[in-house]
């Protein structure tokens, strides 16, 4: 089923095709609602794009932190690059890539508690 409908894409990246079933088309049309209720299982964080994926508080960090896309020096940064082995923010690493004000914003995001319940 995954190969038939997703064609190696994620649910949020695939396009509606005319050959899709009515039920599948309905699922795709309601992805916005699905995304609101989905919580990420971060795990090691090595498969999640830090800036672009909606892994933290159902939004991406570019939007949450109010970053200018042009200012991002490492667009390929993974979540695993900014969390500790204990699944908490690695504040020392984060300070190297965002301003002090944005570090404070990140600290306010509920991340560690949510991860512990997911893992």
C-alpha atoms as a PDB file:
ATOM      1  CA  UNK A   1       0.000   0.000   0.000  1.00  0.00           C
ATOM      2  CA  UNK A   2       2.864   2.370   0.848  1.00  0.00           C
ATOM      3  CA  UNK A   3       4.462   1.766  -2.541  1.00  0.00           C
ATOM      4  CA  UNK A   4       1.159   2.200  -4.356  1.00  0.00           C
ATOM      5  CA  UNK A   5       0.100   5.480  -2.766  1.00  0.00           C
ATOM      6  CA  UNK A   6       3.201   7.133  -1.348  1.00  0.00           C
ATOM      7  CA  UNK A   7       5.673   6.091  -4.032  1.00  0.00           C
ATOM      8  CA  UNK A   8       8.590   6.431  -1.587  1.00  0.00           C
ATOM      9  CA  UNK A   9       7.417   9.841  -0.308  1.00  0.00           C
ATOM     10  CA  UNK A  10       6.026  10.711   3.082  1.00  0.00           C
ATOM     11  CA  UNK A  11       2.303  11.266   3.555  1.00  0.00           C
ATOM     12  CA  UNK A  12       2.901  15.022   3.629  1.00  0.00           C
ATOM     13  CA  UNK A  13       4.954  15.131   0.432  1.00  0.00           C
ATOM     14  CA  UNK A  14       2.922  12.995  -1.973  1.00  0.00           C
ATOM     15  CA  UNK A  15       0.627  14.485  -4.587  1.00  0.00           C
ATOM     16  CA  UNK A  16      -2.991  13.538  -5.296  1.00  0.00           C
ATOM     17  CA  UNK A  17      -3.299  11.522  -8.506  1.00  0.00           C
ATOM     18  CA  UNK A  18      -6.398  10.997 -10.568  1.00  0.00           C
ATOM     19  CA  UNK A  19      -5.989   7.228 -10.147  1.00  0.00           C
ATOM     20  CA  UNK A  20      -6.116   7.439  -6.320  1.00  0.00           C
ATOM     21  CA  UNK A  21      -9.125   6.000  -4.531  1.00  0.00           C
ATOM     22  CA  UNK A  22     -11.725   8.432  -3.148  1.00  0.00           C
ATOM     23  CA  UNK A  23     -10.752   7.498   0.413  1.00  0.00           C
ATOM     24  CA  UNK A  24      -7.059   8.149  -0.228  1.00  0.00           C
ATOM     25  CA  UNK A  25      -7.871  11.490  -1.856  1.00  0.00           C
ATOM     26  CA  UNK A  26      -9.877  12.419   1.233  1.00  0.00           C
ATOM     27  CA  UNK A  27      -6.954  11.516   3.501  1.00  0.00           C
ATOM     28  CA  UNK A  28      -4.620  13.688   1.443  1.00  0.00           C
ATOM     29  CA  UNK A  29      -7.049  16.596   1.405  1.00  0.00           C
ATOM     30  CA  UNK A  30      -7.207  16.486   5.210  1.00  0.00           C
ATOM     31  CA  UNK A  31      -3.468  16.315   5.881  1.00  0.00           C
ATOM     32  CA  UNK A  32      -3.527  19.668   7.666  1.00  0.00           C
ATOM     33  CA  UNK A  33      -5.823  18.218  10.324  1.00  0.00           C
ATOM     34  CA  UNK A  34      -3.688  15.096  10.582  1.00  0.00           C
ATOM     35  CA  UNK A  35      -0.534  17.148  11.068  1.00  0.00           C
ATOM     36  CA  UNK A  36      -2.071  18.994  14.024  1.00  0.00           C
ATOM     37  CA  UNK A  37      -2.552  15.726  15.886  1.00  0.00           C
ATOM     38  CA  UNK A  38       0.680  13.998  14.958  1.00  0.00           C
ATOM     39  CA  UNK A  39       3.584  13.869  17.395  1.00  0.00           C
ATOM     40  CA  UNK A  40       7.084  13.009  16.243  1.00  0.00           C
ATOM     41  CA  UNK A  41       9.005  10.089  17.640  1.00  0.00           C
ATOM     42  CA  UNK A  42      12.368  11.800  17.559  1.00  0.00           C
ATOM     43  CA  UNK A  43      14.445   8.796  18.602  1.00  0.00           C
ATOM     44  CA  UNK A  44      18.081   9.579  17.832  1.00  0.00           C
ATOM     45  CA  UNK A  45      17.054  12.565  15.710  1.00  0.00           C
ATOM     46  CA  UNK A  46      19.307  11.578  12.837  1.00  0.00           C
ATOM     47  CA  UNK A  47      16.450  11.367  10.322  1.00  0.00           C
ATOM     48  CA  UNK A  48      14.832  14.708  11.155  1.00  0.00           C
ATOM     49  CA  UNK A  49      15.894  17.952   9.516  1.00  0.00           C
ATOM     50  CA  UNK A  50      16.346  20.420  12.343  1.00  0.00           C
ATOM     51  CA  UNK A  51      15.224  23.588  10.563  1.00  0.00           C
ATOM     52  CA  UNK A  52      12.658  22.327   8.053  1.00  0.00           C
ATOM     53  CA  UNK A  53      10.682  19.425   9.558  1.00  0.00           C
ATOM     54  CA  UNK A  54       7.738  20.172  11.871  1.00  0.00           C
ATOM     55  CA  UNK A  55       9.195  18.083  14.676  1.00  0.00           C
ATOM     56  CA  UNK A  56       8.981  20.507  17.566  1.00  0.00           C
ATOM     57  CA  UNK A  57       5.655  21.891  18.764  1.00  0.00           C
ATOM     58  CA  UNK A  58       4.117  20.955  15.356  1.00  0.00           C
ATOM     59  CA  UNK A  59       6.148  23.607  13.568  1.00  0.00           C
ATOM     60  CA  UNK A  60       9.597  23.951  12.092  1.00  0.00           C
ATOM     61  CA  UNK A  61      12.320  25.821  13.951  1.00  0.00           C
ATOM     62  CA  UNK A  62      12.651  28.448  11.221  1.00  0.00           C
ATOM     63  CA  UNK A  63       9.080  29.565  11.963  1.00  0.00           C
ATOM     64  CA  UNK A  64       9.185  29.004  15.729  1.00  0.00           C
ATOM     65  CA  UNK A  65      12.341  31.056  16.152  1.00  0.00           C
ATOM     66  CA  UNK A  66      11.478  33.647  13.510  1.00  0.00           C
ATOM     67  CA  UNK A  67      14.647  32.967  11.537  1.00  0.00           C
ATOM     68  CA  UNK A  68      15.509  34.418   8.159  1.00  0.00           C
ATOM     69  CA  UNK A  69      16.082  31.473   5.814  1.00  0.00           C
ATOM     70  CA  UNK A  70      19.113  33.213   4.303  1.00  0.00           C
ATOM     71  CA  UNK A  71      20.770  33.373   7.746  1.00  0.00           C
ATOM     72  CA  UNK A  72      20.817  29.608   8.248  1.00  0.00           C
ATOM     73  CA  UNK A  73      24.428  28.509   7.948  1.00  0.00           C
ATOM     74  CA  UNK A  74      23.842  24.760   8.137  1.00  0.00           C
ATOM     75  CA  UNK A  75      20.596  23.909   6.294  1.00  0.00           C
ATOM     76  CA  UNK A  76      21.319  20.164   6.544  1.00  0.00           C
ATOM     77  CA  UNK A  77      21.486  20.219  10.348  1.00  0.00           C
ATOM     78  CA  UNK A  78      19.785  17.217  11.972  1.00  0.00           C
ATOM     79  CA  UNK A  79      18.030  17.122  15.338  1.00  0.00           C
ATOM     80  CA  UNK A  80      20.694  14.669  16.500  1.00  0.00           C
ATOM     81  CA  UNK A  81      23.218  17.504  16.114  1.00  0.00           C
ATOM     82  CA  UNK A  82      21.543  19.667  18.771  1.00  0.00           C
ATOM     83  CA  UNK A  83      20.325  17.185  21.392  1.00  0.00           C
ATOM     84  CA  UNK A  84      22.223  15.280  24.045  1.00  0.00           C
ATOM     85  CA  UNK A  85      22.235  11.517  24.556  1.00  0.00           C
ATOM     86  CA  UNK A  86      19.668  12.145  27.305  1.00  0.00           C
ATOM     87  CA  UNK A  87      17.307  13.660  24.683  1.00  0.00           C
ATOM     88  CA  UNK A  88      17.593  17.231  25.950  1.00  0.00           C
ATOM     89  CA  UNK A  89      18.718  20.383  24.188  1.00  0.00           C
ATOM     90  CA  UNK A  90      22.484  20.624  23.827  1.00  0.00           C
ATOM     91  CA  UNK A  91      22.623  24.289  24.788  1.00  0.00           C
ATOM     92  CA  UNK A  92      26.365  24.624  24.122  1.00  0.00           C
ATOM     93  CA  UNK A  93      25.913  23.504  20.508  1.00  0.00           C
ATOM     94  CA  UNK A  94      22.783  25.608  20.046  1.00  0.00           C
ATOM     95  CA  UNK A  95      24.600  28.737  21.222  1.00  0.00           C
ATOM     96  CA  UNK A  96      26.986  28.285  18.294  1.00  0.00           C
ATOM     97  CA  UNK A  97      24.178  28.473  15.715  1.00  0.00           C
ATOM     98  CA  UNK A  98      21.519  30.876  17.079  1.00  0.00           C
ATOM     99  CA  UNK A  99      21.456  34.110  19.100  1.00  0.00           C
ATOM    100  CA  UNK A 100      21.072  34.192  22.893  1.00  0.00           C
ATOM    101  CA  UNK A 101      17.458  35.376  22.583  1.00  0.00           C
ATOM    102  CA  UNK A 102      16.643  32.401  20.381  1.00  0.00           C
ATOM    103  CA  UNK A 103      18.407  30.018  22.774  1.00  0.00           C
ATOM    104  CA  UNK A 104      15.956  31.252  25.426  1.00  0.00           C
ATOM    105  CA  UNK A 105      13.046  30.596  23.070  1.00  0.00           C
ATOM    106  CA  UNK A 106      14.285  27.063  22.441  1.00  0.00           C
ATOM    107  CA  UNK A 107      14.637  26.374  26.142  1.00  0.00           C
ATOM    108  CA  UNK A 108      10.971  27.279  26.511  1.00  0.00           C
ATOM    109  CA  UNK A 109       9.856  24.688  23.987  1.00  0.00           C
ATOM    110  CA  UNK A 110       8.717  21.472  25.583  1.00  0.00           C
ATOM    111  CA  UNK A 111      11.024  18.926  24.108  1.00  0.00           C
ATOM    112  CA  UNK A 112      12.665  16.716  26.719  1.00  0.00           C
ATOM    113  CA  UNK A 113       9.457  15.766  28.529  1.00  0.00           C
ATOM    114  CA  UNK A 114       7.658  14.968  25.285  1.00  0.00           C
ATOM    115  CA  UNK A 115      10.564  12.843  24.098  1.00  0.00           C
ATOM    116  CA  UNK A 116      10.626  10.790  27.258  1.00  0.00           C
ATOM    117  CA  UNK A 117       6.984   9.874  26.813  1.00  0.00           C
ATOM    118  CA  UNK A 118       7.490   8.977  23.142  1.00  0.00           C
ATOM    119  CA  UNK A 119      10.525   6.736  23.511  1.00  0.00           C
END
